[in-house]
PDB file of all heavy atoms in Angstrom:
ATOM      1  N   PHE A   1      -5.653   1.529   6.413  1.00  0.00           N
ATOM      2  CA  PHE A   1      -4.430   0.800   6.339  1.00  0.00           C
ATOM      3  C   PHE A   1      -3.790   0.838   4.897  1.00  0.00           C
ATOM      4  O   PHE A   1      -2.583   1.016   4.752  1.00  0.00           O
ATOM      5  CB  PHE A   1      -4.619  -0.682   6.841  1.00  0.00           C
ATOM      6  CG  PHE A   1      -5.172  -0.742   8.285  1.00  0.00           C
ATOM      7  CD1 PHE A   1      -6.462  -0.987   8.473  1.00  0.00           C
ATOM      8  CD2 PHE A   1      -4.239  -0.560   9.289  1.00  0.00           C
ATOM      9  CE1 PHE A   1      -6.942  -1.042   9.765  1.00  0.00           C
ATOM     10  CE2 PHE A   1      -4.723  -0.630  10.586  1.00  0.00           C
ATOM     11  CZ  PHE A   1      -6.129  -0.844  10.844  1.00  0.00           C
ATOM     12  N   GLY A   2      -4.635   0.575   3.966  1.00  0.00           N
ATOM     13  CA  GLY A   2      -4.165   0.635   2.578  1.00  0.00           C
ATOM     14  C   GLY A   2      -3.651   1.981   2.120  1.00  0.00           C
ATOM     15  O   GLY A   2      -2.644   2.090   1.412  1.00  0.00           O
ATOM     16  N   ALA A   3      -4.380   3.030   2.602  1.00  0.00           N
ATOM     17  CA  ALA A   3      -3.948   4.377   2.179  1.00  0.00           C
ATOM     18  C   ALA A   3      -2.574   4.709   2.694  1.00  0.00           C
ATOM     19  O   ALA A   3      -1.691   5.196   1.925  1.00  0.00           O
ATOM     20  CB  ALA A   3      -5.021   5.399   2.716  1.00  0.00           C
ATOM     21  N   VAL A   4      -2.316   4.410   3.968  1.00  0.00           N
ATOM     22  CA  VAL A   4      -1.004   4.705   4.534  1.00  0.00           C
ATOM     23  C   VAL A   4       0.098   3.807   3.921  1.00  0.00           C
ATOM     24  O   VAL A   4       1.147   4.375   3.472  1.00  0.00           O
ATOM     25  CB  VAL A   4      -1.028   4.477   6.098  1.00  0.00           C
ATOM     26  CG1 VAL A   4       0.401   4.547   6.655  1.00  0.00           C
ATOM     27  CG2 VAL A   4      -1.947   5.533   6.693  1.00  0.00           C
ATOM     28  N   LEU A   5      -0.138   2.544   3.762  1.00  0.00           N
ATOM     29  CA  LEU A   5       0.895   1.634   3.187  1.00  0.00           C
ATOM     30  C   LEU A   5       1.097   1.940   1.718  1.00  0.00           C
ATOM     31  O   LEU A   5       2.276   1.861   1.306  1.00  0.00           O
ATOM     32  CB  LEU A   5       0.516   0.133   3.460  1.00  0.00           C
ATOM     33  CG  LEU A   5       1.483  -0.843   3.136  1.00  0.00           C
ATOM     34  CD1 LEU A   5       2.789  -0.576   3.911  1.00  0.00           C
ATOM     35  CD2 LEU A   5       0.973  -2.236   3.410  1.00  0.00           C
ATOM     36  N   SER A   6       0.065   2.367   1.045  1.00  0.00           N
ATOM     37  CA  SER A   6       0.287   2.737  -0.338  1.00  0.00           C
ATOM     38  C   SER A   6       1.191   4.004  -0.472  1.00  0.00           C
ATOM     39  O   SER A   6       2.131   3.915  -1.208  1.00  0.00           O
ATOM     40  CB  SER A   6      -1.130   3.123  -0.909  1.00  0.00           C
ATOM     41  OG  SER A   6      -0.999   3.517  -2.266  1.00  0.00           O
ATOM     42  N   GLY A   7       0.928   4.959   0.380  1.00  0.00           N
ATOM     43  CA  GLY A   7       1.853   6.129   0.352  1.00  0.00           C
ATOM     44  C   GLY A   7       3.234   5.875   0.796  1.00  0.00           C
ATOM     45  O   GLY A   7       4.206   6.343   0.200  1.00  0.00           O
ATOM     46  N   LEU A   8       3.429   4.997   1.802  1.00  0.00           N
ATOM     47  CA  LEU A   8       4.702   4.676   2.259  1.00  0.00           C
ATOM     48  C   LEU A   8       5.554   3.878   1.262  1.00  0.00           C
ATOM     49  O   LEU A   8       6.709   4.232   1.024  1.00  0.00           O
ATOM     50  CB  LEU A   8       4.614   3.928   3.566  1.00  0.00           C
ATOM     51  CG  LEU A   8       4.132   4.641   4.850  1.00  0.00           C
ATOM     52  CD1 LEU A   8       4.001   3.738   6.054  1.00  0.00           C
ATOM     53  CD2 LEU A   8       5.093   5.821   5.178  1.00  0.00           C
ATOM     54  N   LEU A   9       4.905   2.974   0.656  1.00  0.00           N
ATOM     55  CA  LEU A   9       5.628   2.191  -0.383  1.00  0.00           C
ATOM     56  C   LEU A   9       5.928   3.018  -1.601  1.00  0.00           C
ATOM     57  O   LEU A   9       6.909   2.913  -2.218  1.00  0.00           O
ATOM     58  CB  LEU A   9       4.791   0.892  -0.767  1.00  0.00           C
ATOM     59  CG  LEU A   9       4.791  -0.213   0.275  1.00  0.00           C
ATOM     60  CD1 LEU A   9       3.988  -1.388  -0.255  1.00  0.00           C
ATOM     61  CD2 LEU A   9       6.145  -0.656   0.702  1.00  0.00           C
ATOM     62  N   TYR A  10       5.046   3.907  -1.973  1.00  0.00           N
ATOM     63  CA  TYR A  10       5.310   4.801  -3.097  1.00  0.00           C
ATOM     64  C   TYR A  10       6.475   5.686  -2.781  1.00  0.00           C
ATOM     65  O   TYR A  10       7.376   5.884  -3.618  1.00  0.00           O
ATOM     66  CB  TYR A  10       4.076   5.617  -3.547  1.00  0.00           C
ATOM     67  CG  TYR A  10       4.412   6.479  -4.668  1.00  0.00           C
ATOM     68  CD1 TYR A  10       4.545   6.025  -5.961  1.00  0.00           C
ATOM     69  CD2 TYR A  10       4.638   7.871  -4.494  1.00  0.00           C
ATOM     70  CE1 TYR A  10       4.901   6.846  -7.034  1.00  0.00           C
ATOM     71  CE2 TYR A  10       4.987   8.674  -5.555  1.00  0.00           C
ATOM     72  CZ  TYR A  10       5.061   8.153  -6.823  1.00  0.00           C
ATOM     73  OH  TYR A  10       5.516   8.947  -7.858  1.00  0.00           O
ATOM     74  N   ARG A  11       6.470   6.255  -1.607  1.00  0.00           N
ATOM     75  CA  ARG A  11       7.530   7.143  -1.125  1.00  0.00           C
ATOM     76  C   ARG A  11       8.851   6.462  -1.121  1.00  0.00           C
ATOM     77  O   ARG A  11       9.881   7.007  -1.504  1.00  0.00           O
ATOM     78  CB  ARG A  11       7.174   7.717   0.249  1.00  0.00           C
ATOM     79  CG  ARG A  11       8.289   8.701   0.703  1.00  0.00           C
ATOM     80  CD  ARG A  11       8.003   9.103   2.144  1.00  0.00           C
ATOM     81  NE  ARG A  11       6.973  10.186   2.135  1.00  0.00           N
ATOM     82  CZ  ARG A  11       6.354  10.696   3.216  1.00  0.00           C
ATOM     83  NH1 ARG A  11       6.690  10.163   4.361  1.00  0.00           N
ATOM     84  NH2 ARG A  11       5.486  11.647   3.012  1.00  0.00           N
ATOM     85  N   ALA A  12       8.863   5.137  -0.699  1.00  0.00           N
ATOM     86  CA  ALA A  12      10.168   4.370  -0.617  1.00  0.00           C
ATOM     87  C   ALA A  12      10.610   4.061  -2.019  1.00  0.00           C
ATOM     88  O   ALA A  12      11.867   3.872  -2.125  1.00  0.00           O
ATOM     89  CB  ALA A  12       9.906   3.167   0.215  1.00  0.00           C
ATOM     90  N   THR A  13       9.777   3.805  -2.950  1.00  0.00           N
ATOM     91  CA  THR A  13      10.209   3.251  -4.254  1.00  0.00           C
ATOM     92  C   THR A  13      10.037   4.228  -5.392  1.00  0.00           C
ATOM     93  O   THR A  13      10.779   4.104  -6.383  1.00  0.00           O
ATOM     94  CB  THR A  13       9.460   2.025  -4.632  1.00  0.00           C
ATOM     95  OG1 THR A  13       8.084   2.366  -4.811  1.00  0.00           O
ATOM     96  CG2 THR A  13       9.627   0.911  -3.560  1.00  0.00           C
ATOM     97  N   GLY A  14       9.079   5.117  -5.366  1.00  0.00           N
ATOM     98  CA  GLY A  14       8.703   6.036  -6.487  1.00  0.00           C
ATOM     99  C   GLY A  14       8.066   5.254  -7.616  1.00  0.00           C
ATOM    100  O   GLY A  14       7.900   5.842  -8.665  1.00  0.00           O
ATOM    101  N   LYS A  15       7.524   4.096  -7.381  1.00  0.00           N
ATOM    102  CA  LYS A  15       6.877   3.299  -8.330  1.00  0.00           C
ATOM    103  C   LYS A  15       5.375   3.253  -8.078  1.00  0.00           C
ATOM    104  O   LYS A  15       4.937   2.931  -6.999  1.00  0.00           O
ATOM    105  CB  LYS A  15       7.468   1.903  -8.460  1.00  0.00           C
ATOM    106  CG  LYS A  15       8.872   1.976  -8.921  1.00  0.00           C
ATOM    107  CD  LYS A  15       9.465   0.507  -9.032  1.00  0.00           C
ATOM    108  CE  LYS A  15      10.894   0.475  -9.383  1.00  0.00           C
ATOM    109  NZ  LYS A  15      11.266   1.198 -10.501  1.00  0.00           N
ATOM    110  N   GLN A  16       4.585   3.490  -9.112  1.00  0.00           N
ATOM    111  CA  GLN A  16       3.064   3.473  -8.945  1.00  0.00           C
ATOM    112  C   GLN A  16       2.615   2.012  -8.519  1.00  0.00           C
ATOM    113  O   GLN A  16       1.647   1.846  -7.757  1.00  0.00           O
ATOM    114  CB  GLN A  16       2.317   3.863 -10.164  1.00  0.00           C
ATOM    115  CG  GLN A  16       2.482   5.288 -10.498  1.00  0.00           C
ATOM    116  CD  GLN A  16       3.461   5.595 -11.587  1.00  0.00           C
ATOM    117  OE1 GLN A  16       4.119   4.696 -12.156  1.00  0.00           O
ATOM    118  NE2 GLN A  16       3.731   6.814 -11.921  1.00  0.00           N
ATOM    119  N   ILE A  17       3.252   1.018  -9.086  1.00  0.00           N
ATOM    120  CA  ILE A  17       2.885  -0.329  -8.747  1.00  0.00           C
ATOM    121  C   ILE A  17       3.100  -0.619  -7.258  1.00  0.00           C
ATOM    122  O   ILE A  17       2.319  -1.402  -6.623  1.00  0.00           O
ATOM    123  CB  ILE A  17       3.563  -1.419  -9.624  1.00  0.00           C
ATOM    124  CG1 ILE A  17       2.925  -2.771  -9.511  1.00  0.00           C
ATOM    125  CG2 ILE A  17       5.069  -1.564  -9.273  1.00  0.00           C
ATOM    126  CD1 ILE A  17       1.546  -2.862 -10.098  1.00  0.00           C
ATOM    127  N   ALA A  18       4.084   0.000  -6.593  1.00  0.00           N
ATOM    128  CA  ALA A  18       4.272  -0.134  -5.219  1.00  0.00           C
ATOM    129  C   ALA A  18       3.139   0.385  -4.436  1.00  0.00           C
ATOM    130  O   ALA A  18       2.646  -0.183  -3.373  1.00  0.00           O
ATOM    131  CB  ALA A  18       5.638   0.450  -4.768  1.00  0.00           C
ATOM    132  N   ALA A  19       2.610   1.521  -4.908  1.00  0.00           N
ATOM    133  CA  ALA A  19       1.384   2.097  -4.266  1.00  0.00           C
ATOM    134  C   ALA A  19       0.216   1.171  -4.365  1.00  0.00           C
ATOM    135  O   ALA A  19      -0.578   1.025  -3.394  1.00  0.00           O
ATOM    136  CB  ALA A  19       1.051   3.478  -4.914  1.00  0.00           C
ATOM    137  N   VAL A  20       0.013   0.493  -5.481  1.00  0.00           N
ATOM    138  CA  VAL A  20      -1.086  -0.484  -5.666  1.00  0.00           C
ATOM    139  C   VAL A  20      -0.829  -1.651  -4.714  1.00  0.00           C
ATOM    140  O   VAL A  20      -1.783  -2.130  -4.062  1.00  0.00           O
ATOM    141  CB  VAL A  20      -1.154  -0.942  -7.111  1.00  0.00           C
ATOM    142  CG1 VAL A  20      -2.304  -2.004  -7.245  1.00  0.00           C
ATOM    143  CG2 VAL A  20      -1.545   0.239  -7.991  1.00  0.00           C
ATOM    144  N   ILE A  21       0.381  -2.178  -4.701  1.00  0.00           N
ATOM    145  CA  ILE A  21       0.642  -3.338  -3.827  1.00  0.00           C
ATOM    146  C   ILE A  21       0.432  -2.932  -2.315  1.00  0.00           C
ATOM    147  O   ILE A  21      -0.153  -3.745  -1.608  1.00  0.00           O
ATOM    148  CB  ILE A  21       2.149  -3.796  -4.006  1.00  0.00           C
ATOM    149  CG1 ILE A  21       2.221  -4.446  -5.406  1.00  0.00           C
ATOM    150  CG2 ILE A  21       2.555  -4.741  -2.876  1.00  0.00           C
ATOM    151  CD1 ILE A  21       3.661  -4.725  -5.885  1.00  0.00           C
ATOM    152  N   GLY A  22       0.768  -1.685  -1.996  1.00  0.00           N
ATOM    153  CA  GLY A  22       0.509  -1.215  -0.570  1.00  0.00           C
ATOM    154  C   GLY A  22      -0.945  -1.222  -0.259  1.00  0.00           C
ATOM    155  O   GLY A  22      -1.401  -1.566   0.775  1.00  0.00           O
ATOM    156  N   GLU A  23      -1.701  -0.730  -1.209  1.00  0.00           N
ATOM    157  CA  GLU A  23      -3.150  -0.725  -1.088  1.00  0.00           C
ATOM    158  C   GLU A  23      -3.738  -2.127  -0.934  1.00  0.00           C
ATOM    159  O   GLU A  23      -4.587  -2.386  -0.019  1.00  0.00           O
ATOM    160  CB  GLU A  23      -3.837   0.027  -2.282  1.00  0.00           C
ATOM    161  CG  GLU A  23      -5.331   0.138  -2.112  1.00  0.00           C
ATOM    162  CD  GLU A  23      -5.850   1.016  -1.029  1.00  0.00           C
ATOM    163  OE1 GLU A  23      -5.050   1.912  -0.590  1.00  0.00           O
ATOM    164  OE2 GLU A  23      -6.927   0.835  -0.588  1.00  0.00           O
ATOM    165  N   ILE A  24      -3.316  -3.036  -1.743  1.00  0.00           N
ATOM    166  CA  ILE A  24      -3.773  -4.462  -1.696  1.00  0.00           C
ATOM    167  C   ILE A  24      -3.350  -5.123  -0.346  1.00  0.00           C
ATOM    168  O   ILE A  24      -4.299  -5.709   0.292  1.00  0.00           O
ATOM    169  CB  ILE A  24      -3.305  -5.244  -2.919  1.00  0.00           C
ATOM    170  CG1 ILE A  24      -3.914  -4.683  -4.189  1.00  0.00           C
ATOM    171  CG2 ILE A  24      -3.563  -6.741  -2.699  1.00  0.00           C
ATOM    172  CD1 ILE A  24      -3.270  -5.211  -5.441  1.00  0.00           C
ATOM    173  N   ILE A  25      -2.185  -4.940   0.054  1.00  0.00           N
ATOM    174  CA  ILE A  25      -1.756  -5.645   1.331  1.00  0.00           C
ATOM    175  C   ILE A  25      -2.416  -4.852   2.467  1.00  0.00           C
ATOM    176  O   ILE A  25      -2.917  -5.455   3.390  1.00  0.00           O
ATOM    177  CB  ILE A  25      -0.240  -5.567   1.494  1.00  0.00           C
ATOM    178  CG1 ILE A  25       0.327  -6.549   0.417  1.00  0.00           C
ATOM    179  CG2 ILE A  25       0.208  -5.974   2.841  1.00  0.00           C
ATOM    180  CD1 ILE A  25       1.858  -6.415   0.208  1.00  0.00           C
ATOM    181  N   GLY A  26      -2.346  -3.490   2.436  1.00  0.00           N
ATOM    182  CA  GLY A  26      -2.884  -2.770   3.588  1.00  0.00           C
ATOM    183  C   GLY A  26      -4.353  -2.909   3.830  1.00  0.00           C
ATOM    184  O   GLY A  26      -4.740  -3.100   4.933  1.00  0.00           O
ATOM    185  N   THR A  27      -5.050  -2.819   2.807  1.00  0.00           N
ATOM    186  CA  THR A  27      -6.564  -2.982   2.933  1.00  0.00           C
ATOM    187  C   THR A  27      -6.981  -4.392   2.756  1.00  0.00           C
ATOM    188  O   THR A  27      -7.724  -4.916   3.560  1.00  0.00           O
ATOM    189  CB  THR A  27      -7.295  -2.113   1.915  1.00  0.00           C
ATOM    190  OG1 THR A  27      -7.044  -0.745   2.307  1.00  0.00           O
ATOM    191  CG2 THR A  27      -8.793  -2.321   2.001  1.00  0.00           C
ATOM    192  N   GLY A  28      -6.502  -5.076   1.640  1.00  0.00           N
ATOM    193  CA  GLY A  28      -6.922  -6.340   1.391  1.00  0.00           C
ATOM    194  C   GLY A  28      -6.650  -7.409   2.475  1.00  0.00           C
ATOM    195  O   GLY A  28      -7.412  -8.315   2.661  1.00  0.00           O
ATOM    196  N   ILE A  29      -5.560  -7.271   3.075  1.00  0.00           N
ATOM    197  CA  ILE A  29      -5.155  -8.251   4.193  1.00  0.00           C
ATOM    198  C   ILE A  29      -5.306  -7.640   5.545  1.00  0.00           C
ATOM    199  O   ILE A  29      -6.021  -8.065   6.419  1.00  0.00           O
ATOM    200  CB  ILE A  29      -3.785  -8.779   3.836  1.00  0.00           C
ATOM    201  CG1 ILE A  29      -3.833  -9.529   2.552  1.00  0.00           C
ATOM    202  CG2 ILE A  29      -3.346  -9.713   4.955  1.00  0.00           C
ATOM    203  CD1 ILE A  29      -2.479  -9.967   1.981  1.00  0.00           C
ATOM    204  N   ILE A  30      -4.447  -6.547   5.771  1.00  0.00           N
ATOM    205  CA  ILE A  30      -4.407  -5.933   7.136  1.00  0.00           C
ATOM    206  C   ILE A  30      -5.787  -5.390   7.542  1.00  0.00           C
ATOM    207  O   ILE A  30      -6.345  -5.618   8.596  1.00  0.00           O
ATOM    208  CB  ILE A  30      -3.362  -4.928   7.267  1.00  0.00           C
ATOM    209  CG1 ILE A  30      -1.983  -5.509   7.041  1.00  0.00           C
ATOM    210  CG2 ILE A  30      -3.398  -4.150   8.574  1.00  0.00           C
ATOM    211  CD1 ILE A  30      -0.831  -4.560   6.811  1.00  0.00           C
ATOM    212  N   GLY A  31      -6.331  -4.547   6.595  1.00  0.00           N
ATOM    213  CA  GLY A  31      -7.694  -3.950   6.961  1.00  0.00           C
ATOM    214  C   GLY A  31      -8.772  -4.977   7.083  1.00  0.00           C
ATOM    215  O   GLY A  31      -9.698  -4.847   7.873  1.00  0.00           O
ATOM    216  N   ALA A  32      -8.777  -6.022   6.220  1.00  0.00           N
ATOM    217  CA  ALA A  32      -9.754  -7.066   6.337  1.00  0.00           C
ATOM    218  C   ALA A  32      -9.654  -7.801   7.616  1.00  0.00           C
ATOM    219  O   ALA A  32     -10.707  -8.051   8.263  1.00  0.00           O
ATOM    220  CB  ALA A  32      -9.581  -8.023   5.122  1.00  0.00           C
ATOM    221  N   MET A  33      -8.387  -8.090   8.035  1.00  0.00           N
ATOM    222  CA  MET A  33      -8.226  -8.730   9.355  1.00  0.00           C
ATOM    223  C   MET A  33      -8.586  -7.820  10.539  1.00  0.00           C
ATOM    224  O   MET A  33      -9.202  -8.275  11.545  1.00  0.00           O
ATOM    225  CB  MET A  33      -6.848  -9.255   9.469  1.00  0.00           C
ATOM    226  CG  MET A  33      -6.593 -10.472   8.494  1.00  0.00           C
ATOM    227  SD  MET A  33      -4.873 -10.979   8.378  1.00  0.00           S
ATOM    228  CE  MET A  33      -4.511 -11.434  10.042  1.00  0.00           C
TER     229      MET A  33
END
């Protein structure tokens, strides 16, 4: 979940921090649940 969301947010924004946020939300919250 984090891998996909990380890539999608980076693609949408072009910012590395967006990739990190995608990983945190995707894995840390969605993947954990």
